[in-house]
């Protein structure tokens, strides 16, 4: 897998990023087409085995369950210092109002 620098940082990431919107509990959030954990984990593992170390998710993907599934799988399959997880925290969840501020980011 080819890698590149992430912006002006010292982080080295795979040139391909695995978007994790597809992962999540179908009964949570607005996307009933998401894959539950048992179906998501093999895809995350395969991505890591292919050299992908960059993952993108969001708090609004399946009402937070995408972050939960991705986090559990990465904890099991990867070393924290070898992966980069990007997430977004703008959109509302069932139990949180939307918006972006320092307080909102730190509350997640």
PDB file of N, CA and C in Angstrom:
ATOM      1  N   UNK A   1       0.849  -1.179   0.000  1.00  0.00           N
ATOM      2  CA  UNK A   1       0.000   0.000   0.000  1.00  0.00           C
ATOM      3  C   UNK A   1       0.890   1.236   0.000  1.00  0.00           C
ATOM      4  N   UNK A   2       0.625   2.154  -0.895  1.00  0.00           N
ATOM      5  CA  UNK A   2       1.357   3.416  -0.911  1.00  0.00           C
ATOM      6  C   UNK A   2       0.867   4.294   0.235  1.00  0.00           C
ATOM      7  N   UNK A   3       1.784   5.061   0.795  1.00  0.00           N
ATOM      8  CA  UNK A   3       1.441   5.963   1.890  1.00  0.00           C
ATOM      9  C   UNK A   3       1.802   7.399   1.501  1.00  0.00           C
ATOM     10  N   UNK A   4       1.285   8.319   2.283  1.00  0.00           N
ATOM     11  CA  UNK A   4       1.547   9.731   2.074  1.00  0.00           C
ATOM     12  C   UNK A   4       1.495  10.448   3.410  1.00  0.00           C
ATOM     13  N   UNK A   5       2.017  11.635   3.451  1.00  0.00           N
ATOM     14  CA  UNK A   5       1.919  12.458   4.663  1.00  0.00           C
ATOM     15  C   UNK A   5       0.512  13.054   4.746  1.00  0.00           C
ATOM     16  N   UNK A   6      -0.009  13.137   5.938  1.00  0.00           N
ATOM     17  CA  UNK A   6      -1.332  13.703   6.154  1.00  0.00           C
ATOM     18  C   UNK A   6      -1.181  15.205   6.351  1.00  0.00           C
ATOM     19  N   UNK A   7      -1.469  15.950   5.301  1.00  0.00           N
ATOM     20  CA  UNK A   7      -1.343  17.416   5.355  1.00  0.00           C
ATOM     21  C   UNK A   7       0.061  17.832   5.728  1.00  0.00           C
ATOM     22  N   UNK A   8       0.171  18.760   6.649  1.00  0.00           N
ATOM     23  CA  UNK A   8       1.473  19.253   7.112  1.00  0.00           C
ATOM     24  C   UNK A   8       1.919  18.580   8.402  1.00  0.00           C
ATOM     25  N   UNK A   9       1.341  17.416   8.712  1.00  0.00           N
ATOM     26  CA  UNK A   9       1.673  16.728   9.952  1.00  0.00           C
ATOM     27  C   UNK A   9       2.768  15.692   9.716  1.00  0.00           C
ATOM     28  N   UNK A  10       3.179  15.047  10.777  1.00  0.00           N
ATOM     29  CA  UNK A  10       4.143  13.951  10.678  1.00  0.00           C
ATOM     30  C   UNK A  10       3.456  12.599  10.524  1.00  0.00           C
ATOM     31  N   UNK A  11       2.125  12.590  10.408  1.00  0.00           N
ATOM     32  CA  UNK A  11       1.388  11.338  10.269  1.00  0.00           C
ATOM     33  C   UNK A  11       1.568  10.775   8.866  1.00  0.00           C
ATOM     34  N   UNK A  12       1.829   9.489   8.794  1.00  0.00           N
ATOM     35  CA  UNK A  12       1.900   8.793   7.518  1.00  0.00           C
ATOM     36  C   UNK A  12       0.664   7.915   7.410  1.00  0.00           C
ATOM     37  N   UNK A  13      -0.101   8.131   6.361  1.00  0.00           N
ATOM     38  CA  UNK A  13      -1.348   7.389   6.174  1.00  0.00           C
ATOM     39  C   UNK A  13      -1.346   6.686   4.823  1.00  0.00           C
ATOM     40  N   UNK A  14      -2.136   5.627   4.739  1.00  0.00           N
ATOM     41  CA  UNK A  14      -2.312   4.953   3.457  1.00  0.00           C
ATOM     42  C   UNK A  14      -3.003   5.915   2.491  1.00  0.00           C
ATOM     43  N   UNK A  15      -2.674   5.770   1.207  1.00  0.00           N
ATOM     44  CA  UNK A  15      -3.287   6.658   0.219  1.00  0.00           C
ATOM     45  C   UNK A  15      -4.776   6.365   0.068  1.00  0.00           C
ATOM     46  N   UNK A  16      -5.201   5.195   0.489  1.00  0.00           N
ATOM     47  CA  UNK A  16      -6.617   4.852   0.528  1.00  0.00           C
ATOM     48  C   UNK A  16      -7.094   4.940   1.972  1.00  0.00           C
ATOM     49  N   UNK A  17      -8.254   5.525   2.148  1.00  0.00           N
ATOM     50  CA  UNK A  17      -8.876   5.645   3.460  1.00  0.00           C
ATOM     51  C   UNK A  17     -10.156   4.811   3.431  1.00  0.00           C
ATOM     52  N   UNK A  18     -10.378   4.012   4.465  1.00  0.00           N
ATOM     53  CA  UNK A  18     -11.610   3.244   4.517  1.00  0.00           C
ATOM     54  C   UNK A  18     -12.693   4.080   5.176  1.00  0.00           C
ATOM     55  N   UNK A  19     -13.705   4.425   4.407  1.00  0.00           N
ATOM     56  CA  UNK A  19     -14.862   5.125   4.944  1.00  0.00           C
ATOM     57  C   UNK A  19     -15.752   4.139   5.673  1.00  0.00           C
ATOM     58  N   UNK A  20     -16.171   4.496   6.876  1.00  0.00           N
ATOM     59  CA  UNK A  20     -16.882   3.555   7.747  1.00  0.00           C
ATOM     60  C   UNK A  20     -18.371   3.836   7.883  1.00  0.00           C
ATOM     61  N   UNK A  21     -18.949   4.617   6.971  1.00  0.00           N
ATOM     62  CA  UNK A  21     -20.375   4.917   7.043  1.00  0.00           C
ATOM     63  C   UNK A  21     -21.220   3.650   6.866  1.00  0.00           C
ATOM     64  N   UNK A  22     -20.691   2.661   6.183  1.00  0.00           N
ATOM     65  CA  UNK A  22     -21.411   1.418   5.937  1.00  0.00           C
ATOM     66  C   UNK A  22     -21.535   0.568   7.197  1.00  0.00           C
ATOM     67  N   UNK A  23     -20.680   0.802   8.178  1.00  0.00           N
ATOM     68  CA  UNK A  23     -20.684   0.006   9.396  1.00  0.00           C
ATOM     69  C   UNK A  23     -21.625   0.633  10.420  1.00  0.00           C
ATOM     70  N   UNK A  24     -22.479  -0.171  11.026  1.00  0.00           N
ATOM     71  CA  UNK A  24     -23.371   0.357  12.052  1.00  0.00           C
ATOM     72  C   UNK A  24     -24.548  -0.552  12.298  1.00  0.00           C
ATOM     73  N   UNK A  25     -25.179  -0.367  13.433  1.00  0.00           N
ATOM     74  CA  UNK A  25     -26.371  -1.150  13.747  1.00  0.00           C
ATOM     75  C   UNK A  25     -27.532  -0.622  12.901  1.00  0.00           C
ATOM     76  N   UNK A  26     -28.133  -1.471  12.065  1.00  0.00           N
ATOM     77  CA  UNK A  26     -29.209  -1.022  11.176  1.00  0.00           C
ATOM     78  C   UNK A  26     -30.405  -0.396  11.887  1.00  0.00           C
ATOM     79  N   UNK A  27     -30.614  -0.749  13.141  1.00  0.00           N
ATOM     80  CA  UNK A  27     -31.762  -0.197  13.869  1.00  0.00           C
ATOM     81  C   UNK A  27     -31.433   1.109  14.593  1.00  0.00           C
ATOM     82  N   UNK A  28     -30.222   1.626  14.395  1.00  0.00           N
ATOM     83  CA  UNK A  28     -29.836   2.902  14.999  1.00  0.00           C
ATOM     84  C   UNK A  28     -29.599   3.929  13.889  1.00  0.00           C
ATOM     85  N   UNK A  29     -30.058   5.115  14.064  1.00  0.00           N
ATOM     86  CA  UNK A  29     -29.833   6.168  13.084  1.00  0.00           C
ATOM     87  C   UNK A  29     -30.760   6.086  11.893  1.00  0.00           C
ATOM     88  N   UNK A  30     -30.331   6.731  10.803  1.00  0.00           N
ATOM     89  CA  UNK A  30     -31.185   6.870   9.620  1.00  0.00           C
ATOM     90  C   UNK A  30     -30.811   5.947   8.473  1.00  0.00           C
ATOM     91  N   UNK A  31     -29.879   5.019   8.663  1.00  0.00           N
ATOM     92  CA  UNK A  31     -29.416   4.181   7.565  1.00  0.00           C
ATOM     93  C   UNK A  31     -29.633   2.706   7.885  1.00  0.00           C
ATOM     94  N   UNK A  32     -30.780   2.194   7.500  1.00  0.00           N
ATOM     95  CA  UNK A  32     -31.106   0.790   7.769  1.00  0.00           C
ATOM     96  C   UNK A  32     -30.267  -0.171   6.936  1.00  0.00           C
ATOM     97  N   UNK A  33     -29.519   0.347   5.946  1.00  0.00           N
ATOM     98  CA  UNK A  33     -28.727  -0.489   5.057  1.00  0.00           C
ATOM     99  C   UNK A  33     -27.325  -0.780   5.602  1.00  0.00           C
ATOM    100  N   UNK A  34     -27.001  -0.317   6.799  1.00  0.00           N
ATOM    101  CA  UNK A  34     -25.653  -0.524   7.335  1.00  0.00           C
ATOM    102  C   UNK A  34     -25.415  -1.974   7.729  1.00  0.00           C
ATOM    103  N   UNK A  35     -24.129  -2.315   7.811  1.00  0.00           N
ATOM    104  CA  UNK A  35     -23.732  -3.674   8.185  1.00  0.00           C
ATOM    105  C   UNK A  35     -23.512  -3.754   9.687  1.00  0.00           C
ATOM    106  N   UNK A  36     -24.101  -4.737  10.349  1.00  0.00           N
ATOM    107  CA  UNK A  36     -23.871  -4.889  11.782  1.00  0.00           C
ATOM    108  C   UNK A  36     -22.428  -5.334  12.047  1.00  0.00           C
ATOM    109  N   UNK A  37     -22.067  -5.348  13.308  1.00  0.00           N
ATOM    110  CA  UNK A  37     -20.674  -5.602  13.692  1.00  0.00           C
ATOM    111  C   UNK A  37     -20.111  -6.898  13.117  1.00  0.00           C
ATOM    112  N   UNK A  38     -20.862  -7.982  13.195  1.00  0.00           N
ATOM    113  CA  UNK A  38     -20.324  -9.265  12.721  1.00  0.00           C
ATOM    114  C   UNK A  38     -20.025  -9.254  11.223  1.00  0.00           C
ATOM    115  N   UNK A  39     -20.688  -8.407  10.465  1.00  0.00           N
ATOM    116  CA  UNK A  39     -20.410  -8.276   9.027  1.00  0.00           C
ATOM    117  C   UNK A  39     -19.362  -7.206   8.744  1.00  0.00           C
ATOM    118  N   UNK A  40     -19.213  -6.246   9.629  1.00  0.00           N
ATOM    119  CA  UNK A  40     -18.260  -5.146   9.438  1.00  0.00           C
ATOM    120  C   UNK A  40     -16.826  -5.543   9.771  1.00  0.00           C
ATOM    121  N   UNK A  41     -16.666  -6.326  10.815  1.00  0.00           N
ATOM    122  CA  UNK A  41     -15.331  -6.654  11.303  1.00  0.00           C
ATOM    123  C   UNK A  41     -14.430  -7.307  10.246  1.00  0.00           C
ATOM    124  N   UNK A  42     -14.920  -8.273   9.445  1.00  0.00           N
ATOM    125  CA  UNK A  42     -14.048  -8.861   8.416  1.00  0.00           C
ATOM    126  C   UNK A  42     -13.564  -7.830   7.388  1.00  0.00           C
ATOM    127  N   UNK A  43     -14.391  -6.833   7.089  1.00  0.00           N
ATOM    128  CA  UNK A  43     -13.986  -5.805   6.126  1.00  0.00           C
ATOM    129  C   UNK A  43     -12.882  -4.921   6.710  1.00  0.00           C
ATOM    130  N   UNK A  44     -13.008  -4.584   7.975  1.00  0.00           N
ATOM    131  CA  UNK A  44     -11.980  -3.772   8.644  1.00  0.00           C
ATOM    132  C   UNK A  44     -10.676  -4.560   8.719  1.00  0.00           C
ATOM    133  N   UNK A  45     -10.776  -5.830   9.068  1.00  0.00           N
ATOM    134  CA  UNK A  45      -9.579  -6.675   9.144  1.00  0.00           C
ATOM    135  C   UNK A  45      -8.912  -6.797   7.777  1.00  0.00           C
ATOM    136  N   UNK A  46      -9.695  -7.002   6.741  1.00  0.00           N
ATOM    137  CA  UNK A  46      -9.141  -7.119   5.384  1.00  0.00           C
ATOM    138  C   UNK A  46      -8.458  -5.824   4.959  1.00  0.00           C
ATOM    139  N   UNK A  47      -9.042  -4.687   5.304  1.00  0.00           N
ATOM    140  CA  UNK A  47      -8.422  -3.401   4.978  1.00  0.00           C
ATOM    141  C   UNK A  47      -7.055  -3.276   5.647  1.00  0.00           C
ATOM    142  N   UNK A  48      -6.984  -3.631   6.919  1.00  0.00           N
ATOM    143  CA  UNK A  48      -5.706  -3.581   7.633  1.00  0.00           C
ATOM    144  C   UNK A  48      -4.681  -4.518   7.001  1.00  0.00           C
ATOM    145  N   UNK A  49      -5.107  -5.709   6.652  1.00  0.00           N
ATOM    146  CA  UNK A  49      -4.205  -6.675   6.023  1.00  0.00           C
ATOM    147  C   UNK A  49      -3.709  -6.196   4.664  1.00  0.00           C
ATOM    148  N   UNK A  50      -4.506  -5.366   3.996  1.00  0.00           N
ATOM    149  CA  UNK A  50      -4.116  -4.798   2.697  1.00  0.00           C
ATOM    150  C   UNK A  50      -3.213  -3.574   2.855  1.00  0.00           C
ATOM    151  N   UNK A  51      -2.987  -3.136   4.096  1.00  0.00           N
ATOM    152  CA  UNK A  51      -2.110  -2.003   4.341  1.00  0.00           C
ATOM    153  C   UNK A  51      -2.818  -0.686   4.598  1.00  0.00           C
ATOM    154  N   UNK A  52      -4.135  -0.684   4.641  1.00  0.00           N
ATOM    155  CA  UNK A  52      -4.864   0.543   4.954  1.00  0.00           C
ATOM    156  C   UNK A  52      -4.727   0.821   6.448  1.00  0.00           C
ATOM    157  N   UNK A  53      -4.316   2.039   6.772  1.00  0.00           N
ATOM    158  CA  UNK A  53      -4.181   2.417   8.180  1.00  0.00           C
ATOM    159  C   UNK A  53      -4.961   3.694   8.493  1.00  0.00           C
ATOM    160  N   UNK A  54      -5.794   4.134   7.567  1.00  0.00           N
ATOM    161  CA  UNK A  54      -6.524   5.391   7.682  1.00  0.00           C
ATOM    162  C   UNK A  54      -8.018   5.088   7.585  1.00  0.00           C
ATOM    163  N   UNK A  55      -8.767   5.460   8.611  1.00  0.00           N
ATOM    164  CA  UNK A  55     -10.187   5.143   8.714  1.00  0.00           C
ATOM    165  C   UNK A  55     -10.965   6.417   8.995  1.00  0.00           C
ATOM    166  N   UNK A  56     -12.111   6.564   8.344  1.00  0.00           N
ATOM    167  CA  UNK A  56     -12.935   7.755   8.511  1.00  0.00           C
ATOM    168  C   UNK A  56     -14.327   7.347   8.964  1.00  0.00           C
ATOM    169  N   UNK A  57     -14.822   8.011  10.011  1.00  0.00           N
ATOM    170  CA  UNK A  57     -16.157   7.739  10.525  1.00  0.00           C
ATOM    171  C   UNK A  57     -16.782   9.050  10.999  1.00  0.00           C
ATOM    172  N   UNK A  58     -17.926   8.975  11.653  1.00  0.00           N
ATOM    173  CA  UNK A  58     -18.590  10.176  12.178  1.00  0.00           C
ATOM    174  C   UNK A  58     -19.545   9.766  13.281  1.00  0.00           C
ATOM    175  N   UNK A  59     -19.782  10.683  14.190  1.00  0.00           N
ATOM    176  CA  UNK A  59     -20.714  10.377  15.280  1.00  0.00           C
ATOM    177  C   UNK A  59     -22.130  10.140  14.764  1.00  0.00           C
ATOM    178  N   UNK A  60     -22.473  10.702  13.636  1.00  0.00           N
ATOM    179  CA  UNK A  60     -23.832  10.556  13.122  1.00  0.00           C
ATOM    180  C   UNK A  60     -24.041   9.272  12.319  1.00  0.00           C
ATOM    181  N   UNK A  61     -22.983   8.560  11.973  1.00  0.00           N
ATOM    182  CA  UNK A  61     -23.161   7.311  11.222  1.00  0.00           C
ATOM    183  C   UNK A  61     -23.808   6.284  12.146  1.00  0.00           C
ATOM    184  N   UNK A  62     -25.017   5.917  11.812  1.00  0.00           N
ATOM    185  CA  UNK A  62     -25.800   4.952  12.595  1.00  0.00           C
ATOM    186  C   UNK A  62     -25.851   5.337  14.065  1.00  0.00           C
ATOM    187  N   UNK A  63     -26.072   6.623  14.300  1.00  0.00           N
ATOM    188  CA  UNK A  63     -26.238   7.145  15.656  1.00  0.00           C
ATOM    189  C   UNK A  63     -25.079   6.761  16.569  1.00  0.00           C
ATOM    190  N   UNK A  64     -23.866   6.806  16.017  1.00  0.00           N
ATOM    191  CA  UNK A  64     -22.668   6.530  16.804  1.00  0.00           C
ATOM    192  C   UNK A  64     -22.181   5.098  16.753  1.00  0.00           C
ATOM    193  N   UNK A  65     -22.988   4.180  16.247  1.00  0.00           N
ATOM    194  CA  UNK A  65     -22.565   2.778  16.280  1.00  0.00           C
ATOM    195  C   UNK A  65     -21.443   2.481  15.285  1.00  0.00           C
ATOM    196  N   UNK A  66     -21.276   3.290  14.246  1.00  0.00           N
ATOM    197  CA  UNK A  66     -20.130   3.111  13.349  1.00  0.00           C
ATOM    198  C   UNK A  66     -18.824   3.333  14.113  1.00  0.00           C
ATOM    199  N   UNK A  67     -18.763   4.401  14.902  1.00  0.00           N
ATOM    200  CA  UNK A  67     -17.561   4.663  15.704  1.00  0.00           C
ATOM    201  C   UNK A  67     -17.306   3.525  16.692  1.00  0.00           C
ATOM    202  N   UNK A  68     -18.371   3.026  17.298  1.00  0.00           N
ATOM    203  CA  UNK A  68     -18.228   1.947  18.279  1.00  0.00           C
ATOM    204  C   UNK A  68     -17.678   0.680  17.634  1.00  0.00           C
ATOM    205  N   UNK A  69     -18.259   0.280  16.508  1.00  0.00           N
ATOM    206  CA  UNK A  69     -17.836  -0.931  15.799  1.00  0.00           C
ATOM    207  C   UNK A  69     -16.402  -0.778  15.296  1.00  0.00           C
ATOM    208  N   UNK A  70     -16.130   0.349  14.672  1.00  0.00           N
ATOM    209  CA  UNK A  70     -14.783   0.599  14.144  1.00  0.00           C
ATOM    210  C   UNK A  70     -13.760   0.577  15.272  1.00  0.00           C
ATOM    211  N   UNK A  71     -14.069   1.228  16.369  1.00  0.00           N
ATOM    212  CA  UNK A  71     -13.152   1.272  17.499  1.00  0.00           C
ATOM    213  C   UNK A  71     -12.861  -0.089  18.090  1.00  0.00           C
ATOM    214  N   UNK A  72     -13.886  -0.902  18.277  1.00  0.00           N
ATOM    215  CA  UNK A  72     -13.672  -2.246  18.846  1.00  0.00           C
ATOM    216  C   UNK A  72     -12.822  -3.106  17.916  1.00  0.00           C
ATOM    217  N   UNK A  73     -13.120  -3.052  16.619  1.00  0.00           N
ATOM    218  CA  UNK A  73     -12.354  -3.860  15.665  1.00  0.00           C
ATOM    219  C   UNK A  73     -10.899  -3.402  15.602  1.00  0.00           C
ATOM    220  N   UNK A  74     -10.683  -2.092  15.541  1.00  0.00           N
ATOM    221  CA  UNK A  74      -9.311  -1.595  15.473  1.00  0.00           C
ATOM    222  C   UNK A  74      -8.541  -1.917  16.745  1.00  0.00           C
ATOM    223  N   UNK A  75      -9.203  -1.865  17.892  1.00  0.00           N
ATOM    224  CA  UNK A  75      -8.539  -2.218  19.149  1.00  0.00           C
ATOM    225  C   UNK A  75      -8.048  -3.666  19.099  1.00  0.00           C
ATOM    226  N   UNK A  76      -8.836  -4.539  18.490  1.00  0.00           N
ATOM    227  CA  UNK A  76      -8.464  -5.949  18.419  1.00  0.00           C
ATOM    228  C   UNK A  76      -7.441  -6.242  17.328  1.00  0.00           C
ATOM    229  N   UNK A  77      -7.575  -5.595  16.180  1.00  0.00           N
ATOM    230  CA  UNK A  77      -6.783  -5.966  15.010  1.00  0.00           C
ATOM    231  C   UNK A  77      -5.542  -5.118  14.761  1.00  0.00           C
ATOM    232  N   UNK A  78      -5.410  -3.976  15.405  1.00  0.00           N
ATOM    233  CA  UNK A  78      -4.308  -3.058  15.062  1.00  0.00           C
ATOM    234  C   UNK A  78      -3.675  -2.477  16.320  1.00  0.00           C
ATOM    235  N   UNK A  79      -2.474  -1.968  16.144  1.00  0.00           N
ATOM    236  CA  UNK A  79      -1.813  -1.214  17.213  1.00  0.00           C
ATOM    237  C   UNK A  79      -2.179   0.250  17.044  1.00  0.00           C
ATOM    238  N   UNK A  80      -2.516   0.910  18.137  1.00  0.00           N
ATOM    239  CA  UNK A  80      -3.004   2.296  18.087  1.00  0.00           C
ATOM    240  C   UNK A  80      -2.010   3.237  17.419  1.00  0.00           C
ATOM    241  N   UNK A  81      -0.731   3.011  17.626  1.00  0.00           N
ATOM    242  CA  UNK A  81       0.259   3.923  17.056  1.00  0.00           C
ATOM    243  C   UNK A  81       0.499   3.683  15.561  1.00  0.00           C
ATOM    244  N   UNK A  82      -0.214   2.729  14.973  1.00  0.00           N
ATOM    245  CA  UNK A  82      -0.035   2.436  13.550  1.00  0.00           C
ATOM    246  C   UNK A  82      -1.247   2.808  12.705  1.00  0.00           C
ATOM    247  N   UNK A  83      -2.291   3.365  13.335  1.00  0.00           N
ATOM    248  CA  UNK A  83      -3.501   3.717  12.589  1.00  0.00           C
ATOM    249  C   UNK A  83      -3.882   5.169  12.838  1.00  0.00           C
ATOM    250  N   UNK A  84      -4.670   5.706  11.912  1.00  0.00           N
ATOM    251  CA  UNK A  84      -5.201   7.065  12.039  1.00  0.00           C
ATOM    252  C   UNK A  84      -6.713   6.962  11.847  1.00  0.00           C
ATOM    253  N   UNK A  85      -7.453   7.516  12.796  1.00  0.00           N
ATOM    254  CA  UNK A  85      -8.914   7.528  12.716  1.00  0.00           C
ATOM    255  C   UNK A  85      -9.367   8.979  12.641  1.00  0.00           C
ATOM    256  N   UNK A  86     -10.071   9.291  11.587  1.00  0.00           N
ATOM    257  CA  UNK A  86     -10.667  10.623  11.437  1.00  0.00           C
ATOM    258  C   UNK A  86     -12.154  10.473  11.738  1.00  0.00           C
ATOM    259  N   UNK A  87     -12.712  11.422  12.476  1.00  0.00           N
ATOM    260  CA  UNK A  87     -14.139  11.388  12.744  1.00  0.00           C
ATOM    261  C   UNK A  87     -14.689  12.799  12.703  1.00  0.00           C
ATOM    262  N   UNK A  88     -15.986  12.881  12.608  1.00  0.00           N
ATOM    263  CA  UNK A  88     -16.655  14.175  12.544  1.00  0.00           C
ATOM    264  C   UNK A  88     -17.711  14.210  13.644  1.00  0.00           C
ATOM    265  N   UNK A  89     -17.975  15.391  14.205  1.00  0.00           N
ATOM    266  CA  UNK A  89     -18.881  15.478  15.351  1.00  0.00           C
ATOM    267  C   UNK A  89     -19.947  16.564  15.191  1.00  0.00           C
ATOM    268  N   UNK A  90     -20.270  16.955  14.005  1.00  0.00           N
ATOM    269  CA  UNK A  90     -21.206  18.064  13.782  1.00  0.00           C
ATOM    270  C   UNK A  90     -22.671  17.684  13.941  1.00  0.00           C
ATOM    271  N   UNK A  91     -23.081  16.592  13.339  1.00  0.00           N
ATOM    272  CA  UNK A  91     -24.507  16.282  13.222  1.00  0.00           C
ATOM    273  C   UNK A  91     -25.104  15.773  14.536  1.00  0.00           C
ATOM    274  N   UNK A  92     -26.407  16.025  14.728  1.00  0.00           N
ATOM    275  CA  UNK A  92     -27.047  15.589  15.971  1.00  0.00           C
ATOM    276  C   UNK A  92     -27.186  14.073  16.048  1.00  0.00           C
ATOM    277  N   UNK A  93     -27.248  13.582  17.260  1.00  0.00           N
ATOM    278  CA  UNK A  93     -27.524  12.177  17.538  1.00  0.00           C
ATOM    279  C   UNK A  93     -28.834  12.103  18.302  1.00  0.00           C
ATOM    280  N   UNK A  94     -29.271  10.899  18.577  1.00  0.00           N
ATOM    281  CA  UNK A  94     -30.528  10.754  19.308  1.00  0.00           C
ATOM    282  C   UNK A  94     -30.461  11.404  20.678  1.00  0.00           C
ATOM    283  N   UNK A  95     -29.286  11.418  21.288  1.00  0.00           N
ATOM    284  CA  UNK A  95     -29.158  11.959  22.634  1.00  0.00           C
ATOM    285  C   UNK A  95     -28.302  13.222  22.722  1.00  0.00           C
ATOM    286  N   UNK A  96     -27.904  13.790  21.588  1.00  0.00           N
ATOM    287  CA  UNK A  96     -27.060  14.984  21.578  1.00  0.00           C
ATOM    288  C   UNK A  96     -27.523  15.954  20.499  1.00  0.00           C
ATOM    289  N   UNK A  97     -27.517  17.233  20.827  1.00  0.00           N
ATOM    290  CA  UNK A  97     -27.820  18.254  19.823  1.00  0.00           C
ATOM    291  C   UNK A  97     -26.649  18.374  18.854  1.00  0.00           C
ATOM    292  N   UNK A  98     -26.909  18.906  17.679  1.00  0.00           N
ATOM    293  CA  UNK A  98     -25.852  19.111  16.704  1.00  0.00           C
ATOM    294  C   UNK A  98     -25.102  20.392  16.961  1.00  0.00           C
ATOM    295  N   UNK A  99     -24.073  20.596  16.174  1.00  0.00           N
ATOM    296  CA  UNK A  99     -23.306  21.819  16.280  1.00  0.00           C
ATOM    297  C   UNK A  99     -21.833  21.514  16.450  1.00  0.00           C
ATOM    298  N   UNK A 100     -21.019  22.528  16.238  1.00  0.00           N
ATOM    299  CA  UNK A 100     -19.594  22.352  16.331  1.00  0.00           C
ATOM    300  C   UNK A 100     -19.011  23.427  17.213  1.00  0.00           C
ATOM    301  N   UNK A 101     -18.354  23.024  18.226  1.00  0.00           N
ATOM    302  CA  UNK A 101     -17.662  23.943  19.122  1.00  0.00           C
ATOM    303  C   UNK A 101     -16.605  23.128  19.862  1.00  0.00           C
ATOM    304  N   UNK A 102     -15.708  23.792  20.527  1.00  0.00           N
ATOM    305  CA  UNK A 102     -14.694  23.089  21.305  1.00  0.00           C
ATOM    306  C   UNK A 102     -15.364  22.203  22.358  1.00  0.00           C
ATOM    307  N   UNK A 103     -16.371  22.735  23.030  1.00  0.00           N
ATOM    308  CA  UNK A 103     -17.089  21.959  24.052  1.00  0.00           C
ATOM    309  C   UNK A 103     -17.742  20.724  23.454  1.00  0.00           C
ATOM    310  N   UNK A 104     -18.360  20.848  22.277  1.00  0.00           N
ATOM    311  CA  UNK A 104     -19.009  19.712  21.618  1.00  0.00           C
ATOM    312  C   UNK A 104     -17.999  18.624  21.286  1.00  0.00           C
ATOM    313  N   UNK A 105     -16.864  19.009  20.723  1.00  0.00           N
ATOM    314  CA  UNK A 105     -15.834  18.041  20.358  1.00  0.00           C
ATOM    315  C   UNK A 105     -15.334  17.320  21.611  1.00  0.00           C
ATOM    316  N   UNK A 106     -15.057  18.062  22.657  1.00  0.00           N
ATOM    317  CA  UNK A 106     -14.527  17.446  23.871  1.00  0.00           C
ATOM    318  C   UNK A 106     -15.553  16.594  24.604  1.00  0.00           C
ATOM    319  N   UNK A 107     -16.844  16.827  24.353  1.00  0.00           N
ATOM    320  CA  UNK A 107     -17.871  16.039  25.035  1.00  0.00           C
ATOM    321  C   UNK A 107     -18.046  14.659  24.443  1.00  0.00           C
ATOM    322  N   UNK A 108     -17.477  14.418  23.277  1.00  0.00           N
ATOM    323  CA  UNK A 108     -17.616  13.103  22.623  1.00  0.00           C
ATOM    324  C   UNK A 108     -16.538  12.191  23.073  1.00  0.00           C
TER     325      UNK A 108
END
